[in-house]
Amino acid sequence: MDGPADVLVETLSGLLGIPAHRLNDDSDLLYLGLDSLRTMRAASQLRQAGLGGETPQGLQAACESALTKSAR
């Protein structure tokens, strides 16, 4: 994994049990199965990887930033 977007995609892919190539910035994560428990697990894994803050807003900002940079 190279950058924050890769970490985010791999984390979500693992939690959702779907291939990473199926995830992009237009993916409907709720439809794909991201519920509140998986969200908390993702937040924990992403914090351990050095992404996001201690708050959901910090995590959201880090995710948005990572996806924006990967789309360029």
Protein backbone atom coordinates (compact mmCIF):
# COMPACT_ATOMS: atom_id res chain seq x y z
CA MET A 1 0.00 0.00 0.00
CA ASP A 2 1.38 3.34 -1.00
CA GLY A 3 -0.70 6.21 0.27
CA PRO A 4 -3.65 7.06 2.47
CA ALA A 5 -6.19 6.24 -0.25
CA ASP A 6 -4.69 2.77 -0.63
CA VAL A 7 -4.88 2.18 3.12
CA LEU A 8 -8.49 3.36 3.15
CA VAL A 9 -9.52 1.17 0.22
CA GLU A 10 -7.74 -1.91 1.57
CA THR A 11 -9.27 -1.40 5.01
CA LEU A 12 -12.80 -1.04 3.66
CA SER A 13 -12.29 -3.89 1.22
CA GLY A 14 -11.27 -6.21 4.03
CA LEU A 15 -14.13 -5.18 6.30
CA LEU A 16 -16.74 -5.45 3.54
CA GLY A 17 -15.34 -8.65 2.05
CA ILE A 18 -15.27 -7.27 -1.48
CA PRO A 19 -12.38 -6.77 -3.92
CA ALA A 20 -10.60 -3.43 -3.59
CA HIS A 21 -11.06 -2.67 -7.29
CA ARG A 22 -14.84 -2.44 -6.70
CA LEU A 23 -14.41 0.56 -4.38
CA ASN A 24 -14.14 4.11 -5.68
CA ASP A 25 -15.22 7.56 -4.60
CA ASP A 26 -18.74 6.93 -5.96
CA SER A 27 -19.27 3.64 -4.10
CA ASP A 28 -22.37 3.43 -1.92
CA LEU A 29 -20.75 2.04 1.20
CA LEU A 30 -24.07 1.51 2.98
CA TYR A 31 -25.32 -0.59 0.08
CA LEU A 32 -22.06 -2.55 0.14
CA GLY A 33 -22.57 -3.35 3.82
CA LEU A 34 -20.77 -0.68 5.82
CA ASP A 35 -22.77 -0.59 9.03
CA SER A 36 -22.00 1.12 12.34
CA LEU A 37 -19.91 -1.77 13.70
CA ARG A 38 -17.76 -1.95 10.57
CA THR A 39 -17.42 1.84 10.63
CA MET A 40 -16.00 1.68 14.14
CA ARG A 41 -13.62 -1.11 13.12
CA ALA A 42 -12.51 0.92 10.09
CA ALA A 43 -11.92 3.97 12.29
CA SER A 44 -9.78 1.92 14.67
CA GLN A 45 -7.73 0.35 11.86
CA LEU A 46 -7.24 3.68 10.13
CA ARG A 47 -6.10 5.35 13.36
CA GLN A 48 -3.61 2.50 13.87
CA ALA A 49 -2.34 3.17 10.35
CA GLY A 50 -1.85 6.85 11.23
CA LEU A 51 -4.89 8.21 9.39
CA GLY A 52 -7.66 10.33 10.83
CA GLY A 53 -8.06 11.94 14.16
CA GLU A 54 -9.58 10.94 17.43
CA THR A 55 -13.02 12.11 16.33
CA PRO A 56 -15.35 10.92 13.58
CA GLN A 57 -14.97 14.34 11.95
CA GLY A 58 -11.19 13.92 11.89
CA LEU A 59 -11.53 10.48 10.34
CA GLN A 60 -14.01 11.78 7.78
CA ALA A 61 -11.69 14.63 6.83
CA ALA A 62 -8.78 12.22 6.40
CA CYS A 63 -10.87 9.89 4.22
CA GLU A 64 -12.13 12.73 2.05
CA SER A 65 -8.61 14.06 1.67
CA ALA A 66 -7.25 10.65 0.70
CA LEU A 67 -9.96 10.05 -1.88
CA THR A 68 -9.61 13.53 -3.34
CA LYS A 69 -5.86 13.08 -3.77
CA SER A 70 -6.31 9.64 -5.38
CA ALA A 71 -8.80 11.03 -7.92
CA ARG A 72 -6.25 13.51 -9.29
